[in-house]
Amino acid sequence: MKELRTEIEIDAPAERVWTALLDFPSFPEWNPFIRRIEGTPAIGSRLEVSLGASGTKPMTFRPTVLNVVRNRELRWLGRVGLPRIFDGEHIFELTAIGPNRTRFVQAERFRGLLVPFLAKSLDRDARRGFEEMNRALKARVSDNSPDV
């Protein structure tokens, strides 16, 4: 197993961050990593997600939503090919650390036969994509953002 984890503190309440995170139709406007999501964020549903760090060709896949806790967590499981070849459990966690401040964590747990062969590109490209999205989300919802 390989895990990537990034986090950022955002000057906005968790409710505002959550609303932006679940506003899938607006992703192409602001999100440099997850360029498109279609579907309903409900446990057991399938999403269609197109993602890729800047400078990379986006990859489209159909993960299954594992968990949705309003203002706290969105989690899905995506697979490339058959189970246990390359599985990624993507996690978004929001923690209120004040009335107008949220810690946003984006993580992914990778499992499967191909993970050791892709570890370097995951560290380079996936981590960069997470960080790009985190900064863009912060800019979109922060109390000092003009978009508020």
Protein backbone atom coordinates (compact mmCIF):
# COMPACT_ATOMS: atom_id res chain seq x y z
CA MET A 1 0.00 0.00 0.00
CA LYS A 2 1.07 3.56 -0.69
CA GLU A 3 -0.56 6.64 0.81
CA LEU A 4 -0.36 10.26 -0.25
CA ARG A 5 -1.63 12.93 2.10
CA THR A 6 -1.78 16.71 1.74
CA GLU A 7 -3.50 19.33 3.85
CA ILE A 8 -4.16 23.03 3.88
CA GLU A 9 -5.84 25.44 6.29
CA ILE A 10 -8.58 27.54 4.73
CA ASP A 11 -10.01 30.80 6.08
CA ALA A 12 -13.64 29.75 5.65
CA PRO A 13 -16.18 27.70 7.59
CA ALA A 14 -16.38 23.98 6.81
CA GLU A 15 -19.88 24.45 5.35
CA ARG A 16 -18.53 26.79 2.66
CA VAL A 17 -15.65 24.46 1.81
CA TRP A 18 -18.07 21.51 1.62
CA THR A 19 -20.43 23.41 -0.68
CA ALA A 20 -17.57 24.18 -3.10
CA LEU A 21 -16.29 20.60 -2.91
CA LEU A 22 -19.69 19.17 -3.86
CA ASP A 23 -20.44 21.77 -6.57
CA PHE A 24 -19.25 19.39 -9.27
CA PRO A 25 -20.51 21.47 -12.24
CA SER A 26 -18.18 24.34 -11.27
CA PHE A 27 -15.00 22.20 -11.12
CA PRO A 28 -13.85 23.08 -14.66
CA GLU A 29 -13.89 26.78 -13.66
CA TRP A 30 -11.47 26.50 -10.75
CA ASN A 31 -10.05 23.02 -10.18
CA PRO A 32 -6.70 22.37 -11.90
CA PHE A 33 -6.55 18.72 -10.75
CA ILE A 34 -10.07 17.26 -10.79
CA ARG A 35 -11.12 18.80 -14.04
CA ARG A 36 -14.60 17.28 -14.18
CA ILE A 37 -16.93 15.22 -12.00
CA GLU A 38 -20.35 13.98 -12.98
CA GLY A 39 -22.72 12.05 -10.77
CA THR A 40 -24.34 12.20 -7.37
CA PRO A 41 -22.22 12.13 -4.20
CA ALA A 42 -24.20 9.39 -2.43
CA ILE A 43 -22.91 6.17 -0.87
CA GLY A 44 -22.86 3.41 -3.47
CA SER A 45 -23.25 5.72 -6.47
CA ARG A 46 -20.77 5.83 -9.34
CA LEU A 47 -19.13 9.08 -10.37
CA GLU A 48 -17.32 9.89 -13.59
CA VAL A 49 -14.11 11.73 -12.71
CA SER A 50 -11.50 13.26 -15.01
CA LEU A 51 -8.31 14.24 -13.22
CA GLY A 52 -4.65 14.98 -13.73
CA ALA A 53 -2.07 17.41 -12.41
CA SER A 54 -1.21 20.39 -14.59
CA GLY A 55 0.91 19.42 -17.55
CA THR A 56 -0.39 15.85 -17.60
CA LYS A 57 -3.04 14.18 -19.71
CA PRO A 58 -6.20 13.74 -17.62
CA MET A 59 -7.39 10.25 -16.78
CA THR A 60 -11.11 9.42 -16.61
CA PHE A 61 -12.46 6.71 -14.35
CA ARG A 62 -15.70 5.70 -12.59
CA PRO A 63 -15.17 5.40 -8.84
CA THR A 64 -17.79 4.20 -6.36
CA VAL A 65 -18.66 6.56 -3.50
CA LEU A 66 -17.80 4.87 -0.17
CA ASN A 67 -18.74 7.58 2.31
CA VAL A 68 -20.37 11.00 2.46
CA VAL A 69 -20.63 12.88 5.77
CA ARG A 70 -21.92 16.41 5.30
CA ASN A 71 -19.27 19.06 6.05
CA ARG A 72 -16.79 16.32 7.05
CA GLU A 73 -15.88 13.65 4.49
CA LEU A 74 -16.21 12.49 0.89
CA ARG A 75 -14.53 9.20 0.00
CA TRP A 76 -14.52 7.06 -3.14
CA LEU A 77 -12.81 3.96 -4.51
CA GLY A 78 -11.50 3.99 -8.06
CA ARG A 79 -10.00 1.10 -9.97
CA VAL A 80 -7.90 0.74 -13.06
CA GLY A 81 -8.69 -2.62 -14.57
CA LEU A 82 -9.59 -5.50 -12.32
CA PRO A 83 -9.65 -5.29 -8.50
CA ARG A 84 -6.20 -5.41 -6.87
CA ILE A 85 -4.40 -4.32 -10.04
CA PHE A 86 -4.47 -0.59 -9.17
CA ASP A 87 -7.05 0.64 -6.66
CA GLY A 88 -7.18 4.13 -5.20
CA GLU A 89 -9.29 5.16 -2.22
CA HIS A 90 -9.53 8.96 -2.47
CA ILE A 91 -10.41 10.86 0.70
CA PHE A 92 -11.42 14.46 1.30
CA GLU A 93 -11.67 15.38 5.00
CA LEU A 94 -12.80 18.69 6.46
CA THR A 95 -12.20 19.61 10.09
CA ALA A 96 -13.45 22.85 11.60
CA ILE A 97 -10.56 24.37 13.54
CA GLY A 98 -12.41 27.56 14.37
CA PRO A 99 -15.68 29.26 13.42
CA ASN A 100 -14.22 30.50 10.14
CA ARG A 101 -11.27 28.16 9.61
CA THR A 102 -11.14 24.64 8.17
CA ARG A 103 -8.40 22.07 7.78
CA PHE A 104 -8.82 20.38 4.40
CA VAL A 105 -7.08 17.04 3.93
CA GLN A 106 -6.84 15.31 0.58
CA ALA A 107 -5.40 11.81 0.67
CA GLU A 108 -5.35 8.63 -1.34
CA ARG A 109 -4.50 5.06 -0.44
CA PHE A 110 -3.20 3.08 -3.38
CA ARG A 111 -3.22 -0.72 -3.45
CA GLY A 112 -2.53 -3.31 -6.09
CA LEU A 113 0.07 -5.01 -8.22
CA LEU A 114 0.97 -1.90 -10.23
CA VAL A 115 1.49 0.44 -7.27
CA PRO A 116 5.25 -0.24 -6.83
CA PHE A 117 5.82 0.50 -10.52
CA LEU A 118 3.90 3.80 -10.36
CA ALA A 119 5.16 5.04 -6.97
CA LYS A 120 7.50 7.71 -8.38
CA SER A 121 4.89 9.21 -10.69
CA LEU A 122 2.33 9.16 -7.85
CA ASP A 123 4.75 11.05 -5.61
CA ARG A 124 5.49 13.53 -8.36
CA ASP A 125 2.23 14.05 -10.27
CA ALA A 126 -0.56 12.99 -7.93
CA ARG A 127 0.91 14.86 -4.96
CA ARG A 128 1.37 17.98 -7.12
CA GLY A 129 -2.23 17.65 -8.33
CA PHE A 130 -3.51 17.40 -4.75
CA GLU A 131 -1.54 20.50 -3.76
CA GLU A 132 -2.74 22.44 -6.81
CA MET A 133 -6.34 21.60 -6.01
CA ASN A 134 -5.93 22.42 -2.32
CA ARG A 135 -4.57 25.90 -3.14
CA ALA A 136 -7.30 26.51 -5.73
CA LEU A 137 -10.02 25.46 -3.27
CA LYS A 138 -8.55 27.79 -0.65
CA ALA A 139 -8.51 30.68 -3.13
CA ARG A 140 -12.10 29.95 -4.13
CA VAL A 141 -13.65 29.90 -0.65
CA SER A 142 -11.40 31.84 1.72
CA ASP A 143 -12.92 34.79 3.53
CA ASN A 144 -10.40 37.06 1.81
CA SER A 145 -11.33 35.72 -1.64
CA PRO A 146 -13.21 38.03 -4.03
CA ASP A 147 -15.45 35.07 -5.07
CA VAL A 148 -17.14 34.89 -1.64
